């Protein structure tokens, strides 16, 4: 009689931290508060955050997402997304007499301020980021005559500056830490006097989620990242997982997008989510996996996150006024 073999136990390694960062949480709450405060519709220029489910949920509550400021009816309320906008967009809104609420992530605002400061000091600014991304467009707009986009290490050879002694690098906040530092290394070889920003521009949440996904990749045969296809930080997490040794890694918006064939021969699944993903979508994937025998869930914690950001000042001002009015009655 042949020896019986045990079926390996199936499990899920769940990354912590994952999902919403402070900037995304602030931006989504800002839309909800604006709808409560002013009623529908509230117009939002570009997706408030890069997540299909979040955008669809807010649309059902009365948010209207537009690509251009010109699409917003004169005299309406418009909110700027967490990715930030260029000064020209603020000017367009003023011309159309729009009431604006700026939900730009404070960490993106920090990069904008750095760009303005270095431009005033007449530096050439090398902005590491992906062409066409809303955040890059917004940051570039702060100092268009001083900023050159560097889209990865392979782009470094094409970079030219006016004065090699006055060059500084900044970066999009949602990039891969490793790829960014590879680009910085290549830039420093070309420009030995390259100045670094006072603090790393890649946001704490992006770094933390990438560290967590690297930890998952050590043990998981498959890593699933919940996030949308237009989410830069989610796409980077798939790349980081593969670079860290995961045999397979995939990006999905919803559990229904998972291909059961991915599970063939897999005993350990790593699960995480991008910084603009609500936990309800991760819960959906956990349920889907549990139905297929992956009911054992182990949390892999690599960092604590306690950062929070206050609501945009426009909402705080109006909410304070409303609270004072109610208390006076």
Protein backbone atom coordinates (compact mmCIF):
# COMPACT_ATOMS: atom_id res chain seq x y z
CA UNK A 1 0.00 0.00 0.00
CA UNK A 2 1.44 3.39 -1.03
CA UNK A 3 2.39 5.94 1.58
CA UNK A 4 -0.22 8.69 2.02
CA UNK A 5 1.03 12.26 1.52
CA UNK A 6 -0.40 15.27 3.28
CA UNK A 7 -1.78 18.03 1.11
CA UNK A 8 0.21 21.17 1.94
CA UNK A 9 -1.85 23.65 3.95
CA UNK A 10 -3.04 26.59 1.91
CA UNK A 11 -2.66 30.03 3.40
CA UNK A 12 -2.78 33.73 2.70
CA UNK A 13 -0.12 36.18 3.84
CA UNK A 14 -1.86 39.53 4.26
CA UNK A 15 0.35 42.61 4.11
CA UNK A 16 0.21 45.32 6.75
CA UNK A 17 0.27 48.17 6.01
CA UNK A 18 -1.81 48.10 2.85
CA UNK A 19 -4.64 50.11 1.31
CA UNK A 20 -5.59 53.70 2.03
CA UNK A 21 -2.81 56.13 2.86
CA UNK A 22 -3.47 59.37 4.76
CA UNK A 23 -3.62 61.46 1.58
CA UNK A 24 -6.17 59.20 -0.10
CA UNK A 25 -8.29 58.94 3.05
CA UNK A 26 -8.32 62.74 3.29
CA UNK A 27 -9.26 63.19 -0.38
CA UNK A 28 -12.14 60.68 -0.33
CA UNK A 29 -13.55 62.12 2.92
CA UNK A 30 -13.23 65.61 1.40
CA UNK A 31 -15.53 64.66 -1.50
CA UNK A 32 -18.04 63.07 0.87
CA UNK A 33 -17.98 66.11 3.20
CA UNK A 34 -18.37 68.51 0.26
CA UNK A 35 -21.43 66.57 -0.94
CA UNK A 36 -22.90 66.71 2.58
CA UNK A 37 -22.07 70.39 2.95
CA UNK A 38 -23.11 71.75 -0.44
CA UNK A 39 -25.24 68.98 -1.97
CA UNK A 40 -24.78 67.36 -5.36
CA UNK A 41 -23.25 67.88 -7.75
CA UNK A 42 -19.68 68.51 -6.67
CA UNK A 43 -17.32 68.48 -9.62
CA UNK A 44 -13.91 66.81 -9.29
CA UNK A 45 -11.12 67.50 -11.78
CA UNK A 46 -9.66 64.10 -12.70
CA UNK A 47 -10.28 61.00 -10.59
CA UNK A 48 -9.99 62.02 -6.94
CA UNK A 49 -7.74 58.95 -6.49
CA UNK A 50 -6.81 56.25 -8.97
CA UNK A 51 -9.32 53.56 -8.02
CA UNK A 52 -12.27 52.45 -10.11
CA UNK A 53 -14.46 51.36 -7.17
CA UNK A 54 -13.89 54.60 -5.21
CA UNK A 55 -14.72 56.75 -8.24
CA UNK A 56 -17.88 54.76 -9.03
CA UNK A 57 -19.01 54.93 -5.37
CA UNK A 58 -18.56 58.70 -5.24
CA UNK A 59 -20.33 59.13 -8.59
CA UNK A 60 -23.37 57.37 -7.11
CA UNK A 61 -23.34 59.92 -4.26
CA UNK A 62 -23.34 62.86 -6.68
CA UNK A 63 -19.71 63.59 -7.59
CA UNK A 64 -19.08 64.40 -11.25
CA UNK A 65 -15.57 63.71 -12.52
CA UNK A 66 -14.27 65.83 -15.39
CA UNK A 67 -10.97 65.95 -17.24
CA UNK A 68 -10.81 69.69 -17.88
CA UNK A 69 -11.74 72.74 -15.82
CA UNK A 70 -13.71 74.06 -18.82
CA UNK A 71 -16.21 71.21 -18.34
CA UNK A 72 -17.29 72.62 -14.96
CA UNK A 73 -20.26 75.04 -15.22
CA UNK A 74 -19.39 78.60 -14.20
CA UNK A 75 -20.08 79.34 -10.54
CA UNK A 76 -19.94 75.65 -9.50
CA UNK A 77 -17.82 73.89 -6.90
CA UNK A 78 -14.77 72.02 -8.16
CA UNK A 79 -12.36 69.87 -6.18
CA UNK A 80 -8.78 69.20 -7.26
CA UNK A 81 -7.64 65.59 -6.90
CA UNK A 82 -5.05 64.18 -4.51
CA UNK A 83 -2.47 64.19 -7.33
CA UNK A 84 -2.32 67.99 -7.45
CA UNK A 85 -2.68 70.51 -10.28
CA UNK A 86 -0.53 73.17 -11.92
CA UNK A 87 -0.98 76.90 -11.12
CA UNK A 88 -2.57 77.35 -14.55
CA UNK A 89 -5.49 75.18 -13.40
CA UNK A 90 -6.09 77.44 -10.39
CA UNK A 91 -6.09 80.39 -12.80
CA UNK A 92 -8.61 78.64 -15.10
CA UNK A 93 -10.89 78.00 -12.12
CA UNK A 94 -10.71 81.67 -11.06
CA UNK A 95 -11.60 82.78 -14.59
CA UNK A 96 -14.71 80.57 -14.50
CA UNK A 97 -15.66 81.87 -11.03
CA UNK A 98 -15.45 78.37 -9.58
CA UNK A 99 -15.38 77.72 -5.84
CA UNK A 100 -12.34 75.47 -5.40
CA UNK A 101 -11.48 72.84 -2.82
CA UNK A 102 -7.88 71.66 -3.05
CA UNK A 103 -7.57 68.00 -2.00
CA UNK A 104 -3.93 67.71 -3.13
CA UNK A 105 -2.04 65.31 -0.87
CA UNK A 106 0.18 67.35 1.49
CA UNK A 107 3.16 65.21 0.47
CA UNK A 108 2.60 66.19 -3.18
CA UNK A 109 2.25 69.83 -2.09
CA UNK A 110 5.67 69.48 -0.42
CA UNK A 111 7.21 68.52 -3.79
CA UNK A 112 5.43 71.47 -5.47
CA UNK A 113 6.93 73.86 -2.90
CA UNK A 114 10.39 72.35 -3.42
CA UNK A 115 10.03 72.87 -7.18
CA UNK A 116 9.09 76.53 -6.69
CA UNK A 117 11.96 77.12 -4.25
CA UNK A 118 14.63 75.55 -6.46
CA UNK A 119 13.30 77.38 -9.53
CA UNK A 120 13.61 80.70 -7.65
CA UNK A 121 17.23 79.77 -6.91
CA UNK A 122 17.65 79.11 -10.66
CA UNK A 123 18.37 75.39 -10.40
CA UNK A 124 17.69 72.95 -13.22
CA UNK A 125 15.22 70.50 -11.68
CA UNK A 126 15.29 66.87 -12.83
CA UNK A 127 11.87 65.42 -12.03
CA UNK A 128 11.91 61.62 -11.87
CA UNK A 129 8.49 60.34 -12.86
CA UNK A 130 6.23 58.92 -15.53
CA UNK A 131 5.24 61.10 -18.46
CA UNK A 132 1.54 61.93 -18.52
CA UNK A 133 0.85 61.08 -14.87
CA UNK A 134 -1.34 63.76 -13.25
CA UNK A 135 1.12 64.30 -10.42
CA UNK A 136 3.99 64.89 -12.84
CA UNK A 137 1.88 67.34 -14.88
CA UNK A 138 0.99 69.27 -11.72
CA UNK A 139 4.56 69.43 -10.39
CA UNK A 140 6.00 70.37 -13.80
CA UNK A 141 3.50 73.20 -14.01
CA UNK A 142 4.97 74.82 -10.89
CA UNK A 143 8.23 75.62 -12.71
CA UNK A 144 7.90 74.64 -16.38
CA UNK A 145 11.02 76.54 -17.49
CA UNK A 146 13.23 74.79 -14.93
CA UNK A 147 11.92 71.20 -14.91
CA UNK A 148 13.08 68.32 -17.11
CA UNK A 149 11.27 64.99 -16.79
CA UNK A 150 13.44 61.91 -16.34
CA UNK A 151 11.35 58.79 -17.00
CA UNK A 152 13.59 56.07 -15.59
CA UNK A 153 17.33 55.25 -15.73
CA UNK A 154 17.28 54.75 -19.50
CA UNK A 155 16.24 58.39 -19.94
CA UNK A 156 19.34 59.79 -18.19
CA UNK A 157 21.52 59.80 -21.33
CA UNK A 158 19.19 62.36 -22.94
CA UNK A 159 19.26 64.83 -20.04
CA UNK A 160 20.95 68.19 -20.60
CA UNK A 161 21.32 71.03 -18.11
CA UNK A 162 22.50 74.63 -18.26
CA UNK A 163 24.91 74.50 -15.34
CA UNK A 164 26.10 71.19 -13.87
CA UNK A 165 26.82 72.89 -10.54
CA UNK A 166 23.15 73.87 -10.08
CA UNK A 167 21.12 70.68 -10.58
CA UNK A 168 18.64 69.07 -8.18
CA UNK A 169 16.40 66.00 -8.44
CA UNK A 170 12.80 65.66 -7.27
CA UNK A 171 10.43 62.74 -7.83
CA UNK A 172 6.86 61.65 -8.25
CA UNK A 173 5.69 60.37 -4.85
CA UNK A 174 4.31 57.00 -6.04
CA UNK A 175 7.34 55.46 -7.73
CA UNK A 176 9.30 52.34 -6.87
CA UNK A 177 11.95 53.30 -4.33
CA UNK A 178 14.51 50.98 -5.93
CA UNK A 179 13.95 52.23 -9.48
CA UNK A 180 14.07 55.85 -8.34
CA UNK A 181 17.38 55.36 -6.55
CA UNK A 182 18.73 53.58 -9.65
CA UNK A 183 17.77 56.67 -11.68
CA UNK A 184 19.33 58.97 -9.06
CA UNK A 185 22.53 56.89 -9.19
CA UNK A 186 22.71 57.24 -12.97
CA UNK A 187 22.07 60.99 -12.72
CA UNK A 188 24.82 61.40 -10.10
CA UNK A 189 27.28 59.64 -12.39
CA UNK A 190 26.45 62.14 -15.12
CA UNK A 191 26.14 65.15 -12.78
CA UNK A 192 28.44 64.64 -9.75
CA UNK A 193 27.19 67.86 -8.10
CA UNK A 194 23.54 66.76 -8.27
CA UNK A 195 21.69 68.00 -5.18
CA UNK A 196 19.13 65.81 -3.40
CA UNK A 197 15.90 67.24 -1.95
CA UNK A 198 15.87 67.88 1.82
CA UNK A 199 13.88 64.67 2.36
CA UNK A 200 12.91 61.75 0.14
CA UNK A 201 10.00 62.68 -2.10
CA UNK A 202 8.65 59.14 -2.35
CA UNK A 203 5.88 59.10 0.21
CA UNK A 204 6.00 57.07 3.43
CA UNK A 205 2.97 54.98 2.37
CA UNK A 206 4.47 54.02 -1.00
CA UNK A 207 7.71 52.97 0.72
CA UNK A 208 5.91 51.03 3.46
CA UNK A 209 3.73 49.13 0.99
CA UNK A 210 6.74 48.21 -1.13
CA UNK A 211 8.66 46.95 1.91
CA UNK A 212 5.61 44.85 2.89
CA UNK A 213 5.24 43.35 -0.59
CA UNK A 214 8.94 42.42 -0.62
CA UNK A 215 8.34 40.51 2.62
CA UNK A 216 5.38 38.66 1.05
CA UNK A 217 7.52 37.74 -1.96
CA UNK A 218 9.92 35.80 0.28
CA UNK A 219 7.32 33.08 0.95
CA UNK A 220 4.44 33.45 -1.51
CA UNK A 221 4.32 31.63 -4.84
CA UNK A 222 1.69 34.11 -5.98
CA UNK A 223 1.24 37.76 -4.99
CA UNK A 224 -2.09 39.48 -5.68
CA UNK A 225 -2.12 43.28 -5.58
CA UNK A 226 -5.57 44.86 -5.41
CA UNK A 227 -5.55 48.13 -7.35
CA UNK A 228 -6.56 49.83 -10.57
CA UNK A 229 -4.60 49.74 -13.82
CA UNK A 230 -4.08 53.52 -13.73
CA UNK A 231 -2.70 53.47 -10.17
CA UNK A 232 1.04 54.09 -10.35
CA UNK A 233 1.78 52.85 -6.83
CA UNK A 234 -0.25 49.64 -7.39
CA UNK A 235 1.54 48.86 -10.65
CA UNK A 236 4.89 49.43 -8.93
CA UNK A 237 3.94 46.93 -6.19
CA UNK A 238 3.50 44.17 -8.78
CA UNK A 239 6.91 45.01 -10.22
CA UNK A 240 8.49 45.10 -6.73
CA UNK A 241 7.01 41.67 -5.89
CA UNK A 242 8.45 40.13 -9.06
CA UNK A 243 11.83 41.82 -8.56
CA UNK A 244 11.89 40.48 -4.97
CA UNK A 245 11.53 36.90 -6.21
CA UNK A 246 7.81 36.15 -6.29
CA UNK A 247 7.23 33.55 -9.04
CA UNK A 248 4.04 35.35 -10.08
CA UNK A 249 2.29 38.63 -9.26
CA UNK A 250 -0.91 40.12 -10.66
CA UNK A 251 -2.93 43.33 -10.35
CA UNK A 252 -6.72 43.09 -9.99
CA UNK A 253 -9.47 45.60 -9.28
CA UNK A 254 -11.90 43.02 -7.89
CA UNK A 255 -11.88 39.36 -6.80
CA UNK A 256 -13.81 38.44 -9.96
CA UNK A 257 -10.75 39.31 -12.04
CA UNK A 258 -8.60 36.59 -10.44
CA UNK A 259 -7.88 33.68 -12.77
CA UNK A 260 -8.22 30.36 -10.93
CA UNK A 261 -5.36 29.02 -13.07
CA UNK A 262 -3.02 31.31 -11.11
CA UNK A 263 -3.61 29.11 -8.04
CA UNK A 264 -2.36 25.91 -9.66
CA UNK A 265 0.37 24.45 -7.42
CA UNK A 266 0.21 27.46 -5.10
CA UNK A 267 0.10 26.88 -1.34
CA UNK A 268 0.90 30.44 -0.20
CA UNK A 269 -0.76 33.54 -1.65
CA UNK A 270 0.51 37.00 -0.73
CA UNK A 271 -2.18 39.68 -0.70
CA UNK A 272 -1.84 43.44 -0.53
CA UNK A 273 -3.43 46.57 -1.98
CA UNK A 274 -2.45 49.94 -3.37
CA UNK A 275 -2.65 53.19 -1.45
CA UNK A 276 -5.98 54.18 -3.04
CA UNK A 277 -7.79 50.89 -2.33
CA UNK A 278 -10.52 50.54 0.35
CA UNK A 279 -10.33 47.40 2.49
CA UNK A 280 -13.74 46.20 1.28
CA UNK A 281 -12.04 45.12 -1.98
CA UNK A 282 -9.35 43.19 -0.08
CA UNK A 283 -12.09 41.53 2.00
CA UNK A 284 -13.69 40.41 -1.26
CA UNK A 285 -10.46 38.74 -2.37
CA UNK A 286 -10.05 37.04 1.04
CA UNK A 287 -13.57 35.60 0.73
CA UNK A 288 -12.85 34.42 -2.84
CA UNK A 289 -9.63 32.72 -1.71
CA UNK A 290 -11.30 31.16 1.36
CA UNK A 291 -13.90 29.55 -0.90
CA UNK A 292 -11.01 27.87 -2.72
CA UNK A 293 -9.29 26.51 0.38
CA UNK A 294 -7.14 29.48 1.39
CA UNK A 295 -8.92 30.16 4.68
CA UNK A 296 -5.81 30.44 6.86
CA UNK A 297 -4.86 34.14 6.91
CA UNK A 298 -1.64 35.37 8.52
CA UNK A 299 -0.92 39.10 8.77
CA UNK A 300 2.62 40.12 7.85
CA UNK A 301 3.28 43.45 9.55
CA UNK A 302 6.31 45.49 8.54
CA UNK A 303 5.39 48.99 9.78
CA UNK A 304 2.95 51.01 11.87
CA UNK A 305 1.20 53.95 10.24
CA UNK A 306 -0.37 56.67 12.37
CA UNK A 307 -0.12 59.70 10.06
CA UNK A 308 -3.34 61.61 9.40
CA UNK A 309 -3.98 64.81 7.46
CA UNK A 310 -6.61 67.43 8.24
CA UNK A 311 -9.32 68.19 5.66
CA UNK A 312 -8.66 70.85 2.99
CA UNK A 313 -8.76 74.33 4.56
CA UNK A 314 -11.81 75.35 2.49
CA UNK A 315 -13.88 72.55 4.01
CA UNK A 316 -12.54 73.11 7.53
CA UNK A 317 -13.48 76.78 7.33
CA UNK A 318 -17.03 76.05 6.13
CA UNK A 319 -17.50 73.16 8.55
CA UNK A 320 -16.41 75.41 11.44
CA UNK A 321 -18.88 78.08 10.30
CA UNK A 322 -21.67 75.49 10.13
CA UNK A 323 -20.82 74.14 13.60
CA UNK A 324 -20.81 77.68 15.05
CA UNK A 325 -24.18 78.40 13.43
CA UNK A 326 -25.71 75.21 14.85
CA UNK A 327 -24.35 75.88 18.36
CA UNK A 328 -25.80 79.41 18.30
CA UNK A 329 -29.33 78.11 17.70
